[in-house]
Amino acid sequence: MFKHLLVPVDGSELTERAIHASLDLALQLGASVTGFVAEPLTPLPTAGRTLTALRDEALEHDAMTTAHAKEVLAHFEAEAKKAGVPFVGRHAQVPRVDRAIIAAAEAQGCDMIVMVTHGRGPFGEFLFGSQTKAVLAGSSLPLLVLH
């Protein structure tokens, strides 16, 4: 059946639900879990910035996003260890989160993606978009969506 789950997390209030639900599922299936954090690329520069300032801002952004991803994944790993579920954490800076999730699942050999959705409804999706819908549309892997 399913032996390797990819679980995208971002450190938001839904992360705890994603962690615990995916670990419970992994225990039932005898599966391992790969936690994945997709961080945004460095924002585009504004006019009038020196090259040194741009470089410093990019380095600061990289350091902050890497630290955030490591913190989220360390928490996920600790919960996985308590549950007795094999776990690997991965993170990347990406231009498109949905594509990064699909690419990470394929690269890690996952056979299912488990995501938690905000469930904002049609108006919220219009304003903010839906990463879950984009992953569903772009992936050939099964996707378990938790609300």
Protein backbone atom coordinates (compact mmCIF):
# COMPACT_ATOMS: atom_id res chain seq x y z
CA MET A 1 0.00 0.00 0.00
CA PHE A 2 1.44 3.41 0.93
CA LYS A 3 4.92 3.23 2.44
CA HIS A 4 6.33 6.75 2.16
CA LEU A 5 4.34 9.92 2.86
CA LEU A 6 5.37 13.46 1.95
CA VAL A 7 3.94 15.98 4.41
CA PRO A 8 4.37 19.67 3.52
CA VAL A 9 4.37 21.92 6.59
CA ASP A 10 4.92 25.64 7.06
CA GLY A 11 4.94 26.29 10.78
CA SER A 12 1.42 27.77 10.78
CA GLU A 13 -1.37 26.74 13.15
CA LEU A 14 -2.20 23.85 10.78
CA THR A 15 1.25 22.32 11.09
CA GLU A 16 0.41 20.49 14.32
CA ARG A 17 -2.63 18.89 12.70
CA ALA A 18 -0.54 17.82 9.70
CA ILE A 19 2.18 16.37 11.92
CA HIS A 20 -0.08 14.34 14.18
CA ALA A 21 -2.48 13.14 11.49
CA SER A 22 0.34 12.06 9.19
CA LEU A 23 2.20 10.27 11.98
CA ASP A 24 -0.98 8.44 13.01
CA LEU A 25 -1.52 7.40 9.39
CA ALA A 26 2.12 6.34 9.00
CA LEU A 27 1.84 4.15 12.10
CA GLN A 28 -1.27 2.46 10.72
CA LEU A 29 0.36 1.88 7.33
CA GLY A 30 3.86 1.04 8.54
CA ALA A 31 5.09 3.99 6.45
CA SER A 32 7.90 6.50 6.75
CA VAL A 33 7.39 10.26 6.55
CA THR A 34 9.29 13.00 4.77
CA GLY A 35 8.48 16.43 6.15
CA PHE A 36 8.91 19.23 3.63
CA VAL A 37 9.11 22.99 4.08
CA ALA A 38 8.98 25.19 0.97
CA GLU A 39 10.29 28.68 1.68
CA PRO A 40 9.89 31.66 -0.66
CA LEU A 41 12.78 32.92 -2.74
CA THR A 42 14.43 36.22 -1.87
CA PRO A 43 11.99 39.05 -2.73
CA LEU A 44 12.72 41.09 -5.83
CA PRO A 45 14.88 44.14 -5.10
CA THR A 46 13.48 47.64 -5.02
CA ALA A 47 15.03 50.44 -7.04
CA GLY A 48 17.91 52.44 -5.65
CA ARG A 49 19.58 49.65 -3.69
CA THR A 50 23.31 49.09 -3.83
CA LEU A 51 24.67 45.70 -4.80
CA THR A 52 26.07 45.29 -1.32
CA ALA A 53 22.69 46.00 0.27
CA LEU A 54 21.00 43.55 -2.11
CA ARG A 55 23.54 40.86 -1.30
CA ASP A 56 23.16 41.44 2.44
CA GLU A 57 19.36 41.31 2.21
CA ALA A 58 19.55 38.07 0.20
CA LEU A 59 21.92 36.50 2.73
CA GLU A 60 19.70 37.58 5.62
CA HIS A 61 16.61 36.19 3.88
CA ASP A 62 18.38 32.89 3.21
CA ALA A 63 19.51 32.62 6.83
CA MET A 64 16.03 33.42 8.19
CA THR A 65 14.19 30.99 5.93
CA THR A 66 16.71 28.21 6.56
CA ALA A 67 16.47 28.73 10.33
CA HIS A 68 12.66 28.69 10.14
CA ALA A 69 12.61 25.49 8.06
CA LYS A 70 15.07 23.75 10.38
CA GLU A 71 12.99 24.73 13.43
CA VAL A 72 9.75 23.41 11.91
CA LEU A 73 11.40 20.18 10.76
CA ALA A 74 13.17 19.63 14.09
CA HIS A 75 9.79 19.76 15.83
CA PHE A 76 8.31 17.35 13.28
CA GLU A 77 11.28 15.01 13.73
CA ALA A 78 10.91 15.05 17.52
CA GLU A 79 7.22 14.13 17.22
CA ALA A 80 8.05 11.37 14.72
CA LYS A 81 10.70 9.99 17.05
CA LYS A 82 8.19 9.92 19.94
CA ALA A 83 5.71 8.10 17.69
CA GLY A 84 8.33 5.65 16.41
CA VAL A 85 7.90 6.69 12.76
CA PRO A 86 10.94 6.89 10.45
CA PHE A 87 11.36 10.52 9.43
CA VAL A 88 13.44 12.64 7.08
CA GLY A 89 13.16 16.42 6.81
CA ARG A 90 13.79 18.42 3.65
CA HIS A 91 13.46 22.10 2.79
CA ALA A 92 13.99 24.29 -0.24
CA GLN A 93 13.63 27.88 -1.35
CA VAL A 94 11.25 27.89 -4.28
CA PRO A 95 9.35 30.18 -6.63
CA ARG A 96 6.21 27.98 -6.62
CA VAL A 97 5.21 25.95 -3.57
CA ASP A 98 2.89 23.56 -5.41
CA ARG A 99 5.56 22.55 -7.92
CA ALA A 100 8.14 22.17 -5.16
CA ILE A 101 5.85 19.84 -3.20
CA ILE A 102 5.32 17.64 -6.25
CA ALA A 103 9.03 17.64 -7.11
CA ALA A 104 9.99 16.79 -3.52
CA ALA A 105 7.53 13.88 -3.42
CA GLU A 106 8.95 12.50 -6.66
CA ALA A 107 12.59 13.06 -5.67
CA GLN A 108 12.11 11.35 -2.29
CA GLY A 109 10.23 8.39 -3.77
CA CYS A 110 7.02 9.15 -1.89
CA ASP A 111 3.84 7.33 -2.85
CA MET A 112 1.35 9.71 -1.18
CA ILE A 113 1.17 13.40 -0.26
CA VAL A 114 -0.66 14.41 2.92
CA MET A 115 -1.70 18.06 3.19
CA VAL A 116 -3.80 20.12 5.56
CA THR A 117 -5.91 22.83 3.97
CA HIS A 118 -7.18 26.08 5.42
CA GLY A 119 -10.58 25.46 3.83
CA ARG A 120 -11.09 29.14 3.04
CA GLY A 121 -13.94 28.54 0.61
CA PRO A 122 -14.36 29.92 -2.92
CA PHE A 123 -13.86 33.59 -2.02
CA GLY A 124 -10.74 32.87 0.04
CA GLU A 125 -9.33 30.71 -2.73
CA PHE A 126 -9.96 33.52 -5.21
CA LEU A 127 -8.02 35.97 -3.01
CA PHE A 128 -5.25 33.71 -1.73
CA GLY A 129 -5.18 30.74 -4.12
CA SER A 130 -5.03 27.14 -3.07
CA GLN A 131 -1.76 25.24 -2.86
CA THR A 132 -3.74 22.06 -2.26
CA LYS A 133 -5.76 22.44 -5.46
CA ALA A 134 -2.59 23.22 -7.41
CA VAL A 135 -0.87 20.09 -6.05
CA LEU A 136 -3.94 18.00 -6.83
CA ALA A 137 -4.01 19.31 -10.39
CA GLY A 138 -0.28 18.83 -10.97
CA SER A 139 0.56 15.54 -9.29
CA SER A 140 -0.07 11.98 -10.34
CA LEU A 141 0.42 10.81 -6.74
CA PRO A 142 -2.51 10.22 -4.40
CA LEU A 143 -3.23 13.26 -2.24
CA LEU A 144 -4.87 13.00 1.17
CA VAL A 145 -6.36 16.36 2.13
CA LEU A 146 -7.15 17.03 5.79
CA HIS A 147 -9.41 19.88 6.82
